[in-house]
Amino acid sequence: MLEILMLLIGLFALGGGFVLEGGHLTALFTPTALMIVFGGTIGAVGLSFSLKELKTIPKTLIKVFAFKKKNEFDIYEKTIAYYKEISIKLRKENFTFIEKELETNKELDSMTRKGLQLFVDGFKENVAKNILENYYYAEEELAENQASIFEAAGGFGPTMGIIGTVMGLVHVLGNLDDPDTLGPKIAVAFVATLYGVASANLLWLPIASKIKLINSINLKNKQLCLEGSMCLIESVNSYELEERLKSIIGDCYETKKKTEERK
């Protein structure tokens, strides 16, 4: 609910500031401006991306609004512990338990599942690495596309607002015979610019930023899964596996570890 709450706070701040200045909220509701700005933005985005990319929008929005902020370290720690456990078990028994893991564990990350499958199938190290890296690059490209759709909407929104304002002013200038109505008509024309700028900075661009945050965590975790799978395929010991995975996270791993130990 945090995303919805922050959106409401932003809208309340804008509306509240307008009212405190002596304005009336009804003056901000203009159906024609809404049609021009949001309809034009949707049309421009639709022309900019393929149908396949546009179909990911509902799933992406669900991911954004269902996202629960967790400590990144906890997510990475869980992945490292999982691969370390697999490595230790491989020293004590054969890899048949991995086949069972692939069949029964439905919560496995897609990269982990692919890596374990390559290990079970006996792929050579260089071939397995190429395959896993290709999957990672595909995930990375998908993540970039998800954010770029909303970034594009954030760029088109203000432009559509200006177009709406210009269209309104053209209408006003074509009817100069009634000076008493010029003020209200010009005010209505500028509402389109307000919609364009507000939608970009309160909706489209914040959503794009949240997508980048979520994807950065997911991609880092997938990088851990890729390296962990390669460690299993290379038959390295659990200590080396842990060190190689920790090196991907960097100094934040040791810093967090020391902080928890002090507690």
Protein backbone atom coordinates (compact mmCIF):
# COMPACT_ATOMS: atom_id res chain seq x y z
CA MET A 1 0.00 0.00 0.00
CA LEU A 2 3.01 2.32 0.29
CA GLU A 3 2.99 3.22 -3.41
CA ILE A 4 -0.72 4.09 -3.35
CA LEU A 5 -0.28 6.07 -0.11
CA MET A 6 2.61 8.12 -1.56
CA LEU A 7 0.59 8.81 -4.72
CA LEU A 8 -2.34 10.05 -2.64
CA ILE A 9 -0.01 12.25 -0.56
CA GLY A 10 1.37 13.79 -3.75
CA LEU A 11 -2.09 14.46 -5.14
CA PHE A 12 -3.27 15.83 -1.80
CA ALA A 13 -0.27 18.18 -1.62
CA LEU A 14 -0.94 19.55 -5.10
CA GLY A 15 -4.70 19.88 -4.58
CA GLY A 16 -4.29 21.26 -1.05
CA GLY A 17 -1.79 23.88 -2.19
CA PHE A 18 -4.13 24.95 -4.99
CA VAL A 19 -7.07 25.29 -2.58
CA LEU A 20 -4.97 27.25 -0.06
CA GLU A 21 -4.16 29.71 -2.83
CA GLY A 22 -7.88 30.33 -3.23
CA GLY A 23 -8.56 27.97 -6.12
CA HIS A 24 -11.43 25.51 -6.53
CA LEU A 25 -10.74 21.85 -7.18
CA THR A 26 -13.55 21.67 -9.72
CA ALA A 27 -11.50 23.96 -11.94
CA LEU A 28 -8.86 21.24 -12.25
CA PHE A 29 -11.23 18.59 -13.60
CA THR A 30 -11.41 18.96 -17.37
CA PRO A 31 -12.45 15.82 -19.29
CA THR A 32 -11.11 17.11 -22.61
CA ALA A 33 -7.65 17.74 -21.10
CA LEU A 34 -7.67 14.26 -19.59
CA MET A 35 -8.55 12.78 -22.97
CA ILE A 36 -5.82 14.68 -24.80
CA VAL A 37 -3.02 14.05 -22.27
CA PHE A 38 -3.65 10.44 -21.26
CA GLY A 39 -5.02 9.35 -24.63
CA GLY A 40 -2.12 10.98 -26.45
CA THR A 41 0.43 9.48 -24.03
CA ILE A 42 -1.01 5.99 -24.39
CA GLY A 43 -1.04 6.33 -28.18
CA ALA A 44 2.56 7.56 -28.30
CA VAL A 45 3.75 4.74 -26.03
CA GLY A 46 1.83 2.22 -28.12
CA LEU A 47 3.61 3.42 -31.25
CA SER A 48 7.01 3.31 -29.54
CA PHE A 49 6.96 -0.31 -28.37
CA SER A 50 6.02 -3.69 -29.77
CA LEU A 51 2.85 -5.55 -28.78
CA LYS A 52 4.95 -8.14 -26.96
CA GLU A 53 6.51 -5.43 -24.80
CA LEU A 54 3.18 -3.72 -24.15
CA LYS A 55 1.65 -6.99 -22.94
CA THR A 56 4.11 -6.97 -20.02
CA ILE A 57 2.60 -3.75 -18.60
CA PRO A 58 -0.13 -5.38 -16.42
CA LYS A 59 2.33 -7.89 -14.97
CA THR A 60 4.86 -5.12 -14.34
CA LEU A 61 2.31 -2.94 -12.53
CA ILE A 62 1.29 -5.87 -10.34
CA LYS A 63 4.96 -6.41 -9.50
CA VAL A 64 5.37 -2.74 -8.57
CA PHE A 65 2.30 -2.45 -6.34
CA ALA A 66 2.75 -5.92 -4.79
CA PHE A 67 6.44 -5.31 -4.04
CA LYS A 68 7.36 -5.55 -0.36
CA LYS A 69 10.57 -3.80 0.56
CA LYS A 70 12.96 -6.32 2.07
CA ASN A 71 16.53 -6.08 3.19
CA GLU A 72 18.57 -6.84 0.09
CA PHE A 73 21.17 -8.55 2.24
CA ASP A 74 18.60 -11.08 3.50
CA ILE A 75 17.67 -12.02 -0.07
CA TYR A 76 21.30 -12.45 -1.09
CA GLU A 77 22.16 -14.29 2.13
CA LYS A 78 19.38 -16.78 1.48
CA THR A 79 20.70 -17.47 -2.03
CA ILE A 80 24.29 -17.91 -0.80
CA ALA A 81 23.16 -20.24 1.99
CA TYR A 82 21.14 -22.31 -0.48
CA TYR A 83 24.06 -22.91 -2.84
CA LYS A 84 26.42 -23.57 0.06
CA GLU A 85 24.02 -26.21 1.37
CA ILE A 86 23.82 -27.83 -2.06
CA SER A 87 27.63 -27.85 -2.31
CA ILE A 88 28.04 -29.49 1.11
CA LYS A 89 25.43 -32.16 0.33
CA LEU A 90 27.18 -32.96 -2.96
CA ARG A 91 30.31 -33.87 -0.98
CA LYS A 92 28.35 -36.39 1.07
CA GLU A 93 26.04 -37.93 -1.53
CA ASN A 94 25.51 -38.09 -5.29
CA PHE A 95 23.53 -35.53 -7.29
CA THR A 96 20.26 -37.50 -7.36
CA PHE A 97 18.88 -35.25 -4.62
CA ILE A 98 19.16 -32.33 -7.06
CA GLU A 99 16.84 -34.11 -9.49
CA LYS A 100 14.35 -34.47 -6.66
CA GLU A 101 14.83 -30.80 -5.80
CA LEU A 102 14.01 -29.80 -9.38
CA GLU A 103 10.83 -31.88 -9.31
CA THR A 104 9.50 -30.87 -5.90
CA ASN A 105 10.67 -27.30 -5.24
CA LYS A 106 8.31 -25.03 -7.18
CA GLU A 107 9.77 -21.86 -5.65
CA LEU A 108 13.17 -22.18 -7.31
CA ASP A 109 14.41 -19.08 -9.13
CA SER A 110 14.40 -19.59 -12.91
CA MET A 111 18.17 -19.06 -13.07
CA THR A 112 18.75 -21.56 -10.25
CA ARG A 113 16.50 -24.10 -11.92
CA LYS A 114 18.31 -23.75 -15.23
CA GLY A 115 21.73 -23.97 -13.56
CA LEU A 116 20.84 -27.09 -11.57
CA GLN A 117 19.39 -28.70 -14.68
CA LEU A 118 22.59 -28.04 -16.61
CA PHE A 119 24.58 -29.57 -13.74
CA VAL A 120 22.43 -32.69 -13.68
CA ASP A 121 22.64 -33.02 -17.48
CA GLY A 122 26.44 -32.90 -17.31
CA PHE A 123 27.10 -29.84 -19.48
CA LYS A 124 30.71 -28.72 -19.82
CA GLU A 125 31.76 -25.62 -17.92
CA ASN A 126 32.20 -23.27 -20.89
CA VAL A 127 28.95 -24.37 -22.54
CA ALA A 128 26.98 -24.06 -19.29
CA LYS A 129 28.43 -20.62 -18.64
CA ASN A 130 27.45 -19.38 -22.11
CA ILE A 131 23.91 -20.69 -21.68
CA LEU A 132 23.44 -19.13 -18.24
CA GLU A 133 24.92 -15.81 -19.35
CA ASN A 134 22.54 -15.70 -22.31
CA TYR A 135 19.61 -16.25 -19.95
CA TYR A 136 20.93 -13.48 -17.69
CA TYR A 137 21.30 -11.02 -20.59
CA ALA A 138 17.73 -11.82 -21.67
CA GLU A 139 16.48 -11.08 -18.15
CA GLU A 140 18.50 -7.85 -18.11
CA GLU A 141 17.04 -6.73 -21.44
CA LEU A 142 13.51 -7.49 -20.25
CA ALA A 143 14.12 -5.48 -17.08
CA GLU A 144 15.33 -2.47 -19.09
CA ASN A 145 12.30 -2.65 -21.40
CA GLN A 146 9.88 -2.70 -18.47
CA ALA A 147 11.29 0.54 -17.07
CA SER A 148 11.72 2.21 -20.47
CA ILE A 149 7.98 1.96 -21.22
CA PHE A 150 7.11 4.12 -18.22
CA GLU A 151 10.08 6.43 -18.77
CA ALA A 152 8.77 7.01 -22.29
CA ALA A 153 5.31 7.80 -20.87
CA GLY A 154 6.98 10.27 -18.50
CA GLY A 155 8.54 12.00 -21.51
CA PHE A 156 5.40 12.04 -23.63
CA GLY A 157 3.06 13.25 -20.85
CA PRO A 158 4.32 16.85 -20.54
CA THR A 159 4.54 17.14 -24.32
CA MET A 160 0.92 16.06 -24.68
CA GLY A 161 0.02 18.59 -22.00
CA ILE A 162 1.63 21.37 -24.02
CA ILE A 163 -0.17 20.19 -27.15
CA GLY A 164 -3.47 20.27 -25.23
CA THR A 165 -2.73 23.79 -24.00
CA VAL A 166 -1.89 25.01 -27.52
CA MET A 167 -5.09 23.46 -28.86
CA GLY A 168 -7.06 25.22 -26.11
CA LEU A 169 -5.42 28.56 -26.85
CA VAL A 170 -6.17 28.15 -30.56
CA HIS A 171 -9.81 27.72 -29.62
CA VAL A 172 -9.66 30.78 -27.33
CA LEU A 173 -8.02 32.99 -29.95
CA GLY A 174 -10.65 31.96 -32.45
CA ASN A 175 -13.37 33.33 -30.19
CA LEU A 176 -12.16 36.77 -29.10
CA ASP A 177 -15.57 38.34 -29.58
CA ASP A 178 -16.48 37.54 -25.93
CA PRO A 179 -13.73 39.09 -23.73
CA ASP A 180 -15.51 38.16 -20.48
CA THR A 181 -14.91 34.43 -21.07
CA LEU A 182 -11.28 34.68 -22.13
CA GLY A 183 -9.88 34.26 -18.59
CA PRO A 184 -11.76 31.03 -17.75
CA LYS A 185 -11.06 29.56 -21.19
CA ILE A 186 -7.33 30.24 -20.96
CA ALA A 187 -7.29 28.72 -17.45
CA VAL A 188 -8.94 25.56 -18.78
CA ALA A 189 -6.40 25.39 -21.59
CA PHE A 190 -3.49 25.38 -19.13
CA VAL A 191 -5.02 22.49 -17.17
CA ALA A 192 -3.73 20.17 -19.92
CA THR A 193 -0.14 21.21 -19.14
CA LEU A 194 -0.81 20.57 -15.46
CA TYR A 195 -2.09 17.06 -16.24
CA GLY A 196 0.92 16.30 -18.42
CA VAL A 197 3.57 17.45 -15.94
CA ALA A 198 1.77 16.00 -12.90
CA SER A 199 1.20 12.59 -14.50
CA ALA A 200 4.86 12.38 -15.52
CA ASN A 201 6.28 13.31 -12.12
CA LEU A 202 3.70 11.66 -9.86
CA LEU A 203 2.93 8.52 -11.86
CA TRP A 204 5.03 7.46 -14.84
CA LEU A 205 8.55 8.38 -13.71
CA PRO A 206 8.12 7.16 -10.09
CA ILE A 207 6.81 3.83 -11.40
CA ALA A 208 9.85 3.57 -13.70
CA SER A 209 12.15 4.26 -10.73
CA LYS A 210 10.46 1.59 -8.62
CA ILE A 211 10.76 -0.92 -11.48
CA LYS A 212 14.50 -0.19 -11.67
CA LEU A 213 14.84 -0.74 -7.92
CA ILE A 214 13.01 -4.07 -8.01
CA ASN A 215 14.88 -5.26 -11.09
CA SER A 216 18.28 -4.28 -9.69
CA ILE A 217 17.66 -6.54 -6.67
CA ASN A 218 16.37 -9.38 -8.86
CA LEU A 219 19.26 -9.12 -11.32
CA LYS A 220 21.85 -9.11 -8.54
CA ASN A 221 20.22 -12.22 -7.11
CA LYS A 222 20.22 -13.87 -10.53
CA GLN A 223 23.90 -13.05 -10.85
CA LEU A 224 24.45 -14.92 -7.58
CA CYS A 225 22.43 -17.84 -8.94
CA LEU A 226 24.51 -17.88 -12.12
CA GLU A 227 27.81 -17.90 -10.23
CA GLY A 228 26.50 -20.42 -7.71
CA SER A 229 25.47 -22.78 -10.50
CA MET A 230 28.89 -22.45 -12.12
CA CYS A 231 30.55 -23.29 -8.80
CA LEU A 232 28.52 -26.49 -8.63
CA ILE A 233 29.38 -27.39 -12.21
CA GLU A 234 33.08 -26.68 -11.55
CA SER A 235 32.89 -28.82 -8.36
CA VAL A 236 34.49 -26.17 -6.13
CA ASN A 237 34.34 -26.59 -2.36
CA SER A 238 31.74 -24.79 -0.25
CA TYR A 239 34.24 -22.25 1.12
CA GLU A 240 35.34 -21.13 -2.34
CA LEU A 241 31.70 -21.03 -3.47
CA GLU A 242 30.77 -18.77 -0.58
CA GLU A 243 33.69 -16.41 -1.20
CA ARG A 244 32.93 -16.14 -4.91
CA LEU A 245 29.29 -15.30 -4.22
CA LYS A 246 30.16 -12.81 -1.48
CA SER A 247 32.52 -11.02 -3.87
CA ILE A 248 29.56 -10.28 -6.17
CA ILE A 249 27.76 -8.41 -3.40
CA GLY A 250 30.87 -6.53 -2.34
CA ASP A 251 31.72 -4.77 0.92
CA CYS A 252 28.08 -4.44 2.00
CA TYR A 253 28.04 -8.17 2.79
CA GLU A 254 30.86 -8.00 5.35
CA THR A 255 29.60 -4.68 6.76
CA LYS A 256 26.14 -6.12 7.40
CA LYS A 257 27.65 -9.30 8.85
CA LYS A 258 29.75 -7.37 11.35
CA THR A 259 26.77 -5.21 12.32
CA GLU A 260 24.68 -8.29 13.11
CA GLU A 261 27.51 -9.88 15.08
CA ARG A 262 27.75 -6.79 17.30
CA LYS A 263 24.06 -7.08 18.07
